[in-house]
Amino acid sequence: MDVYLQGFLMGLAYVAPIGVQNLFVINSAISQKRGRALLIALIVIFFDITLAFACFFGIGLLIDKLEWLKLIILLIGSLIVIYIGQGLIRSKSSFKETDTNISLAKVITTACVVTWFNPQAIIDGTMMLGAFRVNLAASDATYFILGVVSASFAWFTGVTLFVSFFRDKFNDKVLRIINIVCGAIIIFYGIKLLLSFYTMLKG
């Protein structure tokens, strides 16, 4: 139980910082109906869990060693993240929109990009989760990663439900401002990734 709790707390520390993933979930909870927002959260959780497993088993070390792979992920990831950000800024979201204004394919693609197309996040995750795995007995590793998975599920569904319940406090003007702020932050993340790509390419 202690190992599970340790995994849960580490999982929270891993997903809680406000990054592109959280901004995407928060924005969805504000702009979509609750059922749709929860579906989006579940899709994000799926990709987050797969990333956690990958980090736990050390894929970040592989990316760190394969410079060309890291460069490809950085370039593609940065461009797609910037595209997502400018899309948010330009969007004319309204609370009057229907529940299906985002196609499932787009949701899956976006969730995948905001989770997987940041090699630094993969490497950092590997350092965080992989470091724990080294010190865990084989029997404890399962409980630890289950704790991490539980944290991801609890965090993203919790954030979605919390924001969704209070979405009535927002109007279209506030939603527009949130979209612009979220979009700008996401573009900032994308530019940072692009600069990392440029620095690595020059280095």
Protein backbone atom coordinates (compact mmCIF):
# COMPACT_ATOMS: atom_id res chain seq x y z
CA MET A 1 0.00 0.00 0.00
CA ASP A 2 2.88 2.35 0.78
CA VAL A 3 4.35 1.73 -2.67
CA TYR A 4 0.98 2.37 -4.32
CA LEU A 5 0.61 5.63 -2.39
CA GLN A 6 4.14 6.61 -3.35
CA GLY A 7 3.26 5.97 -6.99
CA PHE A 8 0.04 7.94 -6.64
CA LEU A 9 1.82 10.96 -5.16
CA MET A 10 4.57 10.78 -7.75
CA GLY A 11 1.90 10.52 -10.44
CA LEU A 12 0.23 13.68 -9.17
CA ALA A 13 3.55 15.50 -9.16
CA TYR A 14 4.03 14.27 -12.72
CA VAL A 15 0.67 15.44 -14.15
CA ALA A 16 -0.34 18.40 -11.97
CA PRO A 17 1.96 21.14 -13.34
CA ILE A 18 0.03 23.30 -15.79
CA GLY A 19 1.30 22.37 -19.22
CA VAL A 20 -0.19 21.81 -22.65
CA GLN A 21 -2.02 18.66 -21.49
CA ASN A 22 -3.77 20.40 -18.62
CA LEU A 23 -4.61 23.45 -20.72
CA PHE A 24 -6.21 21.20 -23.33
CA VAL A 25 -8.29 19.40 -20.68
CA ILE A 26 -9.32 22.65 -18.95
CA ASN A 27 -10.27 24.30 -22.23
CA SER A 28 -12.31 21.25 -23.23
CA ALA A 29 -14.12 21.23 -19.88
CA ILE A 30 -15.06 24.88 -20.35
CA SER A 31 -16.06 24.76 -24.01
CA GLN A 32 -17.63 21.29 -24.24
CA LYS A 33 -20.58 19.65 -22.54
CA ARG A 34 -19.68 17.51 -19.53
CA GLY A 35 -20.03 14.14 -21.26
CA ARG A 36 -17.85 15.22 -24.15
CA ALA A 37 -15.31 16.83 -21.82
CA LEU A 38 -15.06 13.60 -19.82
CA LEU A 39 -14.53 11.62 -23.02
CA ILE A 40 -11.72 14.01 -23.96
CA ALA A 41 -10.25 13.62 -20.47
CA LEU A 42 -10.34 9.82 -20.80
CA ILE A 43 -8.52 10.02 -24.14
CA VAL A 44 -5.87 12.27 -22.58
CA ILE A 45 -5.62 9.84 -19.65
CA PHE A 46 -5.02 6.97 -22.09
CA PHE A 47 -2.11 8.77 -23.74
CA ASP A 48 -0.80 9.98 -20.40
CA ILE A 49 -0.82 6.44 -19.01
CA THR A 50 0.95 5.06 -22.08
CA LEU A 51 3.56 7.79 -21.67
CA ALA A 52 3.93 6.96 -17.97
CA PHE A 53 4.51 3.30 -18.83
CA ALA A 54 7.03 4.28 -21.49
CA CYS A 55 8.85 6.55 -19.07
CA PHE A 56 8.74 3.93 -16.33
CA PHE A 57 10.40 1.45 -18.65
CA GLY A 58 12.96 3.92 -19.93
CA ILE A 59 12.00 5.05 -23.44
CA GLY A 60 13.31 8.51 -22.58
CA LEU A 61 16.81 7.08 -22.37
CA LEU A 62 16.41 5.72 -25.90
CA ILE A 63 15.27 9.09 -27.23
CA ASP A 64 18.11 10.80 -25.39
CA LYS A 65 20.63 8.52 -27.12
CA LEU A 66 19.11 8.72 -30.60
CA GLU A 67 19.73 12.33 -31.57
CA TRP A 68 17.94 12.05 -34.93
CA LEU A 69 14.77 10.69 -33.31
CA LYS A 70 14.77 13.48 -30.75
CA LEU A 71 15.18 16.07 -33.52
CA ILE A 72 12.29 14.63 -35.54
CA ILE A 73 9.97 14.57 -32.53
CA LEU A 74 11.01 18.09 -31.54
CA LEU A 75 10.39 19.52 -35.00
CA ILE A 76 7.06 17.81 -35.66
CA GLY A 77 5.90 18.31 -32.09
CA SER A 78 6.74 22.01 -31.98
CA LEU A 79 4.95 22.74 -35.26
CA ILE A 80 1.83 20.83 -34.26
CA VAL A 81 1.74 22.42 -30.80
CA ILE A 82 2.02 25.90 -32.36
CA TYR A 83 -0.76 24.96 -34.79
CA ILE A 84 -2.98 23.86 -31.89
CA GLY A 85 -2.28 27.13 -30.06
CA GLN A 86 -3.09 29.40 -32.98
CA GLY A 87 -6.23 27.35 -33.59
CA LEU A 88 -7.37 28.11 -30.05
CA ILE A 89 -6.67 31.82 -30.44
CA ARG A 90 -8.60 31.98 -33.71
CA SER A 91 -11.50 29.81 -32.53
CA LYS A 92 -14.90 31.40 -31.99
CA SER A 93 -15.95 29.04 -29.22
CA SER A 94 -19.33 29.54 -27.67
CA PHE A 95 -21.30 27.82 -24.94
CA LYS A 96 -24.09 27.47 -27.48
CA GLU A 97 -22.02 25.01 -29.48
CA THR A 98 -23.19 21.45 -29.72
CA ASP A 99 -21.58 18.51 -28.03
CA THR A 100 -19.96 17.29 -31.23
CA ASN A 101 -18.10 20.34 -32.48
CA ILE A 102 -14.77 18.54 -32.16
CA SER A 103 -14.38 15.34 -34.13
CA LEU A 104 -13.16 12.30 -32.25
CA ALA A 105 -10.22 11.98 -34.66
CA LYS A 106 -9.14 15.55 -33.88
CA VAL A 107 -9.47 14.94 -30.15
CA ILE A 108 -7.34 11.79 -30.36
CA THR A 109 -4.72 13.50 -32.52
CA THR A 110 -4.52 16.55 -30.25
CA ALA A 111 -4.39 14.44 -27.09
CA CYS A 112 -1.60 12.36 -28.60
CA VAL A 113 0.39 15.43 -29.65
CA VAL A 114 0.11 17.30 -26.34
CA THR A 115 1.22 14.16 -24.52
CA TRP A 116 3.77 12.43 -26.72
CA PHE A 117 5.36 15.12 -28.92
CA ASN A 118 7.56 16.63 -26.26
CA PRO A 119 10.74 14.59 -25.97
CA GLN A 120 11.90 16.64 -23.00
CA ALA A 121 8.75 15.62 -21.12
CA ILE A 122 9.49 11.99 -21.98
CA ILE A 123 13.06 12.30 -20.76
CA ASP A 124 12.00 14.15 -17.59
CA GLY A 125 9.33 11.54 -16.98
CA THR A 126 11.89 8.81 -17.41
CA MET A 127 14.14 10.49 -14.89
CA MET A 128 11.27 10.80 -12.39
CA LEU A 129 9.54 7.46 -12.86
CA GLY A 130 12.51 5.46 -14.08
CA ALA A 131 14.56 6.49 -11.06
CA PHE A 132 11.93 5.00 -8.78
CA ARG A 133 11.78 1.80 -10.78
CA VAL A 134 15.49 1.20 -10.24
CA ASN A 135 14.94 1.17 -6.48
CA LEU A 136 11.80 -0.96 -6.52
CA ALA A 137 11.56 -4.70 -6.22
CA ALA A 138 9.86 -6.37 -9.18
CA SER A 139 6.79 -7.12 -7.07
CA ASP A 140 6.52 -3.49 -5.95
CA ALA A 141 6.89 -2.03 -9.44
CA THR A 142 3.34 -3.07 -10.36
CA TYR A 143 1.84 -1.30 -7.34
CA PHE A 144 3.91 1.80 -8.01
CA ILE A 145 2.85 2.14 -11.64
CA LEU A 146 -0.77 1.43 -10.65
CA GLY A 147 -0.49 4.37 -8.28
CA VAL A 148 0.80 6.55 -11.11
CA VAL A 149 -2.05 5.41 -13.37
CA SER A 150 -4.60 6.13 -10.62
CA ALA A 151 -3.17 9.61 -10.16
CA SER A 152 -3.53 10.36 -13.87
CA PHE A 153 -7.14 9.18 -13.85
CA ALA A 154 -7.99 11.05 -10.66
CA TRP A 155 -6.31 14.28 -11.76
CA PHE A 156 -7.72 14.65 -15.25
CA THR A 157 -11.24 13.50 -14.40
CA GLY A 158 -11.16 15.67 -11.28
CA VAL A 159 -10.03 18.76 -13.19
CA THR A 160 -12.62 18.12 -15.90
CA LEU A 161 -15.49 17.70 -13.44
CA PHE A 162 -14.43 20.68 -11.33
CA VAL A 163 -14.13 23.05 -14.29
CA SER A 164 -17.26 21.62 -15.92
CA PHE A 165 -19.38 22.16 -12.80
CA PHE A 166 -18.32 25.80 -12.65
CA ARG A 167 -18.48 26.48 -16.39
CA ASP A 168 -21.76 28.36 -15.88
CA LYS A 169 -19.73 31.06 -14.17
CA PHE A 170 -18.16 31.74 -17.55
CA ASN A 171 -19.71 33.50 -20.53
CA ASP A 172 -18.64 33.58 -24.17
CA LYS A 173 -16.42 36.61 -23.57
CA VAL A 174 -14.59 34.89 -20.71
CA LEU A 175 -14.28 31.74 -22.81
CA ARG A 176 -12.75 33.81 -25.61
CA ILE A 177 -10.20 35.29 -23.20
CA ILE A 178 -9.38 31.83 -21.83
CA ASN A 179 -8.93 30.53 -25.37
CA ILE A 180 -6.55 33.37 -26.19
CA VAL A 181 -4.55 32.90 -22.98
CA CYS A 182 -4.40 29.11 -23.35
CA GLY A 183 -3.55 29.44 -27.03
CA ALA A 184 -0.77 31.93 -26.31
CA ILE A 185 0.72 29.69 -23.62
CA ILE A 186 0.54 26.65 -25.92
CA ILE A 187 2.23 28.63 -28.71
CA PHE A 188 4.90 29.63 -26.19
CA TYR A 189 5.49 25.95 -25.41
CA GLY A 190 5.66 25.21 -29.13
CA ILE A 191 8.20 27.98 -29.73
CA LYS A 192 10.29 26.66 -26.84
CA LEU A 193 10.29 23.23 -28.48
CA LEU A 194 11.20 24.79 -31.83
CA LEU A 195 14.07 26.70 -30.22
CA SER A 196 15.25 23.47 -28.63
CA PHE A 197 15.20 21.87 -32.07
CA TYR A 198 17.21 24.77 -33.53
CA THR A 199 19.73 24.67 -30.68
CA MET A 200 20.21 20.92 -31.05
CA LEU A 201 20.55 21.23 -34.82
CA LYS A 202 23.21 23.92 -34.47
CA GLY A 203 24.94 22.07 -31.65
